[in-house]
PDB file of N, CA and C in Angstrom:
ATOM      1  N   UNK A   1       4.627  11.934  -1.917  1.00  0.00           N
ATOM      2  CA  UNK A   1       3.603  11.264  -2.911  1.00  0.00           C
ATOM      3  C   UNK A   1       4.365  10.169  -3.442  1.00  0.00           C
ATOM      4  N   UNK A   2       3.592   8.867  -3.649  1.00  0.00           N
ATOM      5  CA  UNK A   2       4.194   7.743  -4.142  1.00  0.00           C
ATOM      6  C   UNK A   2       4.207   7.826  -5.552  1.00  0.00           C
ATOM      7  N   UNK A   3       5.319   7.438  -6.266  1.00  0.00           N
ATOM      8  CA  UNK A   3       5.172   7.624  -7.761  1.00  0.00           C
ATOM      9  C   UNK A   3       5.585   6.441  -8.260  1.00  0.00           C
ATOM     10  N   UNK A   4       5.029   5.658  -9.301  1.00  0.00           N
ATOM     11  CA  UNK A   4       5.412   4.394  -9.899  1.00  0.00           C
ATOM     12  C   UNK A   4       5.654   4.777 -11.293  1.00  0.00           C
ATOM     13  N   UNK A   5       6.795   3.969 -11.690  1.00  0.00           N
ATOM     14  CA  UNK A   5       7.405   4.488 -12.847  1.00  0.00           C
ATOM     15  C   UNK A   5       7.816   2.844 -13.392  1.00  0.00           C
ATOM     16  N   UNK A   6       7.996   2.532 -14.659  1.00  0.00           N
ATOM     17  CA  UNK A   6       8.728   1.348 -15.191  1.00  0.00           C
ATOM     18  C   UNK A   6      10.267   1.746 -15.753  1.00  0.00           C
ATOM     19  N   UNK A   7      11.041   0.887 -15.169  1.00  0.00           N
ATOM     20  CA  UNK A   7      12.588   1.081 -15.611  1.00  0.00           C
ATOM     21  C   UNK A   7      12.679   1.100 -17.069  1.00  0.00           C
ATOM     22  N   UNK A   8      13.372   2.129 -17.536  1.00  0.00           N
ATOM     23  CA  UNK A   8      13.671   1.907 -18.759  1.00  0.00           C
ATOM     24  C   UNK A   8      14.981   1.072 -19.196  1.00  0.00           C
ATOM     25  N   UNK A   9      15.463   0.690 -18.145  1.00  0.00           N
ATOM     26  CA  UNK A   9      16.781  -0.178 -18.121  1.00  0.00           C
ATOM     27  C   UNK A   9      16.244  -1.548 -17.970  1.00  0.00           C
ATOM     28  N   UNK A  10      15.548  -2.020 -17.049  1.00  0.00           N
ATOM     29  CA  UNK A  10      15.208  -3.238 -16.842  1.00  0.00           C
ATOM     30  C   UNK A  10      13.837  -3.671 -16.939  1.00  0.00           C
ATOM     31  N   UNK A  11      12.914  -2.767 -17.166  1.00  0.00           N
ATOM     32  CA  UNK A  11      11.401  -3.121 -17.507  1.00  0.00           C
ATOM     33  C   UNK A  11      10.896  -3.687 -16.097  1.00  0.00           C
ATOM     34  N   UNK A  12      11.347  -3.214 -14.931  1.00  0.00           N
ATOM     35  CA  UNK A  12      10.759  -3.674 -13.825  1.00  0.00           C
ATOM     36  C   UNK A  12      10.040  -2.419 -13.155  1.00  0.00           C
ATOM     37  N   UNK A  13       8.869  -2.404 -12.597  1.00  0.00           N
ATOM     38  CA  UNK A  13       7.961  -1.201 -11.825  1.00  0.00           C
ATOM     39  C   UNK A  13       8.578  -1.067 -10.699  1.00  0.00           C
ATOM     40  N   UNK A  14       8.713   0.201 -10.510  1.00  0.00           N
ATOM     41  CA  UNK A  14       9.471   0.671  -9.113  1.00  0.00           C
ATOM     42  C   UNK A  14       8.412   1.687  -8.523  1.00  0.00           C
ATOM     43  N   UNK A  15       8.313   1.901  -7.182  1.00  0.00           N
ATOM     44  CA  UNK A  15       7.504   2.876  -6.588  1.00  0.00           C
ATOM     45  C   UNK A  15       8.438   3.495  -5.594  1.00  0.00           C
ATOM     46  N   UNK A  16       8.435   5.026  -5.637  1.00  0.00           N
ATOM     47  CA  UNK A  16       9.214   5.812  -4.799  1.00  0.00           C
ATOM     48  C   UNK A  16       8.432   6.729  -4.078  1.00  0.00           C
ATOM     49  N   UNK A  17       8.621   7.087  -3.236  1.00  0.00           N
ATOM     50  CA  UNK A  17       7.929   8.008  -2.174  1.00  0.00           C
ATOM     51  C   UNK A  17       9.063   9.536  -2.419  1.00  0.00           C
ATOM     52  N   UNK A  18       8.184  10.468  -2.966  1.00  0.00           N
ATOM     53  CA  UNK A  18       8.986  11.499  -3.243  1.00  0.00           C
ATOM     54  C   UNK A  18       8.215  12.741  -2.611  1.00  0.00           C
ATOM     55  N   UNK A  19       9.042  13.820  -2.462  1.00  0.00           N
ATOM     56  CA  UNK A  19       8.439  15.069  -1.767  1.00  0.00           C
ATOM     57  C   UNK A  19       8.154  15.855  -3.180  1.00  0.00           C
ATOM     58  N   UNK A  20       7.024  15.595  -3.715  1.00  0.00           N
ATOM     59  CA  UNK A  20       6.253  16.374  -4.771  1.00  0.00           C
ATOM     60  C   UNK A  20       5.172  16.336  -4.674  1.00  0.00           C
ATOM     61  N   UNK A  21       4.549  17.340  -5.378  1.00  0.00           N
ATOM     62  CA  UNK A  21       3.242  17.618  -5.506  1.00  0.00           C
ATOM     63  C   UNK A  21       2.499  16.938  -6.694  1.00  0.00           C
ATOM     64  N   UNK A  22       1.237  16.644  -6.776  1.00  0.00           N
ATOM     65  CA  UNK A  22       0.663  16.302  -7.956  1.00  0.00           C
ATOM     66  C   UNK A  22       0.832  17.332  -9.065  1.00  0.00           C
ATOM     67  N   UNK A  23       0.690  18.691  -8.918  1.00  0.00           N
ATOM     68  CA  UNK A  23       1.181  19.712  -9.961  1.00  0.00           C
ATOM     69  C   UNK A  23       2.411  19.519 -10.463  1.00  0.00           C
ATOM     70  N   UNK A  24       3.600  19.487  -9.602  1.00  0.00           N
ATOM     71  CA  UNK A  24       4.870  19.082 -10.127  1.00  0.00           C
ATOM     72  C   UNK A  24       4.960  17.969 -10.947  1.00  0.00           C
ATOM     73  N   UNK A  25       4.292  17.022 -10.361  1.00  0.00           N
ATOM     74  CA  UNK A  25       4.299  15.582 -11.295  1.00  0.00           C
ATOM     75  C   UNK A  25       3.656  15.891 -12.647  1.00  0.00           C
ATOM     76  N   UNK A  26       2.861  16.596 -12.740  1.00  0.00           N
ATOM     77  CA  UNK A  26       1.949  16.799 -13.973  1.00  0.00           C
ATOM     78  C   UNK A  26       3.020  17.752 -14.933  1.00  0.00           C
ATOM     79  N   UNK A  27       3.435  18.814 -14.311  1.00  0.00           N
ATOM     80  CA  UNK A  27       4.617  19.472 -14.963  1.00  0.00           C
ATOM     81  C   UNK A  27       5.806  18.663 -15.591  1.00  0.00           C
ATOM     82  N   UNK A  28       6.320  17.605 -14.656  1.00  0.00           N
ATOM     83  CA  UNK A  28       7.358  16.890 -15.079  1.00  0.00           C
ATOM     84  C   UNK A  28       6.854  15.925 -16.421  1.00  0.00           C
ATOM     85  N   UNK A  29       5.685  15.570 -16.374  1.00  0.00           N
ATOM     86  CA  UNK A  29       5.149  14.587 -17.387  1.00  0.00           C
ATOM     87  C   UNK A  29       4.970  15.562 -18.753  1.00  0.00           C
ATOM     88  N   UNK A  30       4.818  16.865 -18.619  1.00  0.00           N
ATOM     89  CA  UNK A  30       4.360  17.688 -19.691  1.00  0.00           C
ATOM     90  C   UNK A  30       5.637  18.308 -20.170  1.00  0.00           C
ATOM     91  N   UNK A  31       6.776  18.152 -19.598  1.00  0.00           N
ATOM     92  CA  UNK A  31       7.926  19.046 -19.702  1.00  0.00           C
ATOM     93  C   UNK A  31       8.604  19.097 -21.067  1.00  0.00           C
ATOM     94  N   UNK A  32       8.162  18.034 -22.069  1.00  0.00           N
ATOM     95  CA  UNK A  32       8.595  18.053 -23.576  1.00  0.00           C
ATOM     96  C   UNK A  32       7.685  19.037 -24.234  1.00  0.00           C
ATOM     97  N   UNK A  33       6.456  19.131 -23.707  1.00  0.00           N
ATOM     98  CA  UNK A  33       5.519  20.277 -24.537  1.00  0.00           C
ATOM     99  C   UNK A  33       5.882  21.540 -24.004  1.00  0.00           C
ATOM    100  N   UNK A  34       6.326  21.806 -22.748  1.00  0.00           N
ATOM    101  CA  UNK A  34       6.564  23.022 -22.174  1.00  0.00           C
ATOM    102  C   UNK A  34       8.135  23.562 -22.280  1.00  0.00           C
ATOM    103  N   UNK A  35       9.147  22.598 -22.533  1.00  0.00           N
ATOM    104  CA  UNK A  35      10.427  22.764 -22.731  1.00  0.00           C
ATOM    105  C   UNK A  35      10.972  23.213 -21.347  1.00  0.00           C
ATOM    106  N   UNK A  36      10.117  22.629 -20.179  1.00  0.00           N
ATOM    107  CA  UNK A  36      10.532  22.989 -18.919  1.00  0.00           C
ATOM    108  C   UNK A  36      11.658  22.135 -18.281  1.00  0.00           C
ATOM    109  N   UNK A  37      12.754  22.453 -17.574  1.00  0.00           N
ATOM    110  CA  UNK A  37      13.803  21.292 -17.306  1.00  0.00           C
ATOM    111  C   UNK A  37      13.412  20.900 -15.742  1.00  0.00           C
ATOM    112  N   UNK A  38      13.595  19.500 -15.629  1.00  0.00           N
ATOM    113  CA  UNK A  38      13.055  18.814 -14.433  1.00  0.00           C
ATOM    114  C   UNK A  38      13.725  19.586 -13.400  1.00  0.00           C
ATOM    115  N   UNK A  39      15.094  19.946 -13.507  1.00  0.00           N
ATOM    116  CA  UNK A  39      15.703  20.560 -12.202  1.00  0.00           C
ATOM    117  C   UNK A  39      15.118  21.925 -11.794  1.00  0.00           C
ATOM    118  N   UNK A  40      14.427  22.388 -12.730  1.00  0.00           N
ATOM    119  CA  UNK A  40      13.621  23.804 -12.495  1.00  0.00           C
ATOM    120  C   UNK A  40      12.453  23.560 -11.925  1.00  0.00           C
ATOM    121  N   UNK A  41      11.889  22.386 -12.165  1.00  0.00           N
ATOM    122  CA  UNK A  41      10.446  21.979 -11.738  1.00  0.00           C
ATOM    123  C   UNK A  41      10.748  21.556 -10.189  1.00  0.00           C
ATOM    124  N   UNK A  42      11.669  20.608  -9.806  1.00  0.00           N
ATOM    125  CA  UNK A  42      11.598  20.073  -8.504  1.00  0.00           C
ATOM    126  C   UNK A  42      13.147  20.225  -8.288  1.00  0.00           C
ATOM    127  N   UNK A  43      13.746  21.447  -7.860  1.00  0.00           N
ATOM    128  CA  UNK A  43      15.102  21.605  -7.625  1.00  0.00           C
ATOM    129  C   UNK A  43      15.467  21.157  -6.246  1.00  0.00           C
ATOM    130  N   UNK A  44      14.540  20.727  -5.383  1.00  0.00           N
ATOM    131  CA  UNK A  44      14.621  20.149  -4.074  1.00  0.00           C
ATOM    132  C   UNK A  44      15.045  18.799  -4.201  1.00  0.00           C
ATOM    133  N   UNK A  45      14.802  18.041  -5.270  1.00  0.00           N
ATOM    134  CA  UNK A  45      15.024  16.569  -5.314  1.00  0.00           C
ATOM    135  C   UNK A  45      16.577  16.462  -5.873  1.00  0.00           C
ATOM    136  N   UNK A  46      17.150  15.106  -5.352  1.00  0.00           N
ATOM    137  CA  UNK A  46      18.429  14.866  -5.628  1.00  0.00           C
ATOM    138  C   UNK A  46      18.442  14.248  -6.957  1.00  0.00           C
ATOM    139  N   UNK A  47      19.469  14.294  -7.822  1.00  0.00           N
ATOM    140  CA  UNK A  47      19.824  13.838  -9.042  1.00  0.00           C
ATOM    141  C   UNK A  47      19.081  12.553  -9.337  1.00  0.00           C
ATOM    142  N   UNK A  48      19.277  11.516  -8.568  1.00  0.00           N
ATOM    143  CA  UNK A  48      18.727  10.345  -8.553  1.00  0.00           C
ATOM    144  C   UNK A  48      17.189  10.138  -8.410  1.00  0.00           C
ATOM    145  N   UNK A  49      16.705  10.875  -7.521  1.00  0.00           N
ATOM    146  CA  UNK A  49      15.200  11.168  -7.747  1.00  0.00           C
ATOM    147  C   UNK A  49      14.600  11.642  -8.968  1.00  0.00           C
ATOM    148  N   UNK A  50      15.369  12.725  -9.440  1.00  0.00           N
ATOM    149  CA  UNK A  50      14.834  13.341 -10.750  1.00  0.00           C
ATOM    150  C   UNK A  50      15.024  12.256 -12.003  1.00  0.00           C
ATOM    151  N   UNK A  51      16.136  11.570 -11.917  1.00  0.00           N
ATOM    152  CA  UNK A  51      16.491  10.451 -12.566  1.00  0.00           C
ATOM    153  C   UNK A  51      15.333   9.412 -12.896  1.00  0.00           C
ATOM    154  N   UNK A  52      14.732   9.076 -11.636  1.00  0.00           N
ATOM    155  CA  UNK A  52      13.642   8.199 -11.446  1.00  0.00           C
ATOM    156  C   UNK A  52      12.439   8.490 -12.052  1.00  0.00           C
ATOM    157  N   UNK A  53      12.145   9.995 -11.857  1.00  0.00           N
ATOM    158  CA  UNK A  53      10.940  10.560 -12.428  1.00  0.00           C
ATOM    159  C   UNK A  53      11.000  10.385 -13.982  1.00  0.00           C
ATOM    160  N   UNK A  54      12.106  10.709 -14.507  1.00  0.00           N
ATOM    161  CA  UNK A  54      12.274  10.782 -16.020  1.00  0.00           C
ATOM    162  C   UNK A  54      12.499   9.390 -16.739  1.00  0.00           C
ATOM    163  N   UNK A  55      12.927   8.432 -15.850  1.00  0.00           N
ATOM    164  CA  UNK A  55      13.260   7.064 -16.647  1.00  0.00           C
ATOM    165  C   UNK A  55      12.801   5.865 -16.066  1.00  0.00           C
ATOM    166  N   UNK A  56      12.406   6.199 -14.600  1.00  0.00           N
ATOM    167  CA  UNK A  56      12.082   5.016 -13.846  1.00  0.00           C
ATOM    168  C   UNK A  56      13.205   4.157 -13.488  1.00  0.00           C
ATOM    169  N   UNK A  57      14.397   4.566 -13.832  1.00  0.00           N
ATOM    170  CA  UNK A  57      15.535   3.823 -13.136  1.00  0.00           C
ATOM    171  C   UNK A  57      16.001   4.346 -11.739  1.00  0.00           C
ATOM    172  N   UNK A  58      16.219   3.389 -10.844  1.00  0.00           N
ATOM    173  CA  UNK A  58      16.450   3.739  -9.418  1.00  0.00           C
ATOM    174  C   UNK A  58      17.928   3.823  -9.308  1.00  0.00           C
ATOM    175  N   UNK A  59      18.388   4.336  -8.181  1.00  0.00           N
ATOM    176  CA  UNK A  59      19.938   4.529  -8.082  1.00  0.00           C
ATOM    177  C   UNK A  59      20.501   3.109  -7.820  1.00  0.00           C
ATOM    178  N   UNK A  60      19.644   2.146  -7.269  1.00  0.00           N
ATOM    179  CA  UNK A  60      20.231   0.712  -7.191  1.00  0.00           C
ATOM    180  C   UNK A  60      20.543   0.121  -8.531  1.00  0.00           C
ATOM    181  N   UNK A  61      19.794   0.248  -9.407  1.00  0.00           N
ATOM    182  CA  UNK A  61      19.874  -0.153 -10.709  1.00  0.00           C
ATOM    183  C   UNK A  61      21.016   0.585 -11.512  1.00  0.00           C
ATOM    184  N   UNK A  62      21.395   1.731 -11.259  1.00  0.00           N
ATOM    185  CA  UNK A  62      22.489   2.462 -11.994  1.00  0.00           C
ATOM    186  C   UNK A  62      23.955   1.537 -11.143  1.00  0.00           C
ATOM    187  N   UNK A  63      23.584   1.689  -9.891  1.00  0.00           N
ATOM    188  CA  UNK A  63      24.823   0.987  -8.987  1.00  0.00           C
ATOM    189  C   UNK A  63      25.343  -0.139  -9.578  1.00  0.00           C
ATOM    190  N   UNK A  64      23.943  -1.144  -9.938  1.00  0.00           N
ATOM    191  CA  UNK A  64      24.194  -2.452 -10.199  1.00  0.00           C
ATOM    192  C   UNK A  64      24.808  -2.619 -11.605  1.00  0.00           C
ATOM    193  N   UNK A  65      24.462  -1.788 -12.665  1.00  0.00           N
ATOM    194  CA  UNK A  65      25.063  -2.013 -13.879  1.00  0.00           C
ATOM    195  C   UNK A  65      26.362  -1.208 -14.136  1.00  0.00           C
ATOM    196  N   UNK A  66      26.909  -0.470 -13.057  1.00  0.00           N
ATOM    197  CA  UNK A  66      27.934   0.265 -13.178  1.00  0.00           C
ATOM    198  C   UNK A  66      29.207  -0.432 -12.165  1.00  0.00           C
ATOM    199  N   UNK A  67      28.647  -1.664 -11.581  1.00  0.00           N
ATOM    200  CA  UNK A  67      29.308  -2.492 -10.700  1.00  0.00           C
ATOM    201  C   UNK A  67      30.344  -3.388 -11.602  1.00  0.00           C
ATOM    202  N   UNK A  68      31.463  -3.047 -11.374  1.00  0.00           N
ATOM    203  CA  UNK A  68      32.515  -3.807 -12.399  1.00  0.00           C
ATOM    204  C   UNK A  68      33.177  -4.892 -11.300  1.00  0.00           C
ATOM    205  N   UNK A  69      33.042  -6.247 -11.613  1.00  0.00           N
ATOM    206  CA  UNK A  69      33.502  -7.310 -10.828  1.00  0.00           C
ATOM    207  C   UNK A  69      35.055  -7.569 -11.172  1.00  0.00           C
TER     208      UNK A  69
END
């Protein structure tokens, strides 16, 4: 499923193809009400994919800001 989020870091809109169902996405979006942890909803996703679902921040953005020249 393609999921589009706006990065809380940059404000840029990103779309990512993720192996999730619409039901899982709905559960993720309602996790504050249900107190469900994202790693329990989609344990098959890697941490960077779960981070994207929560914040819209991509792994590339994290690497860019953590790059020390």
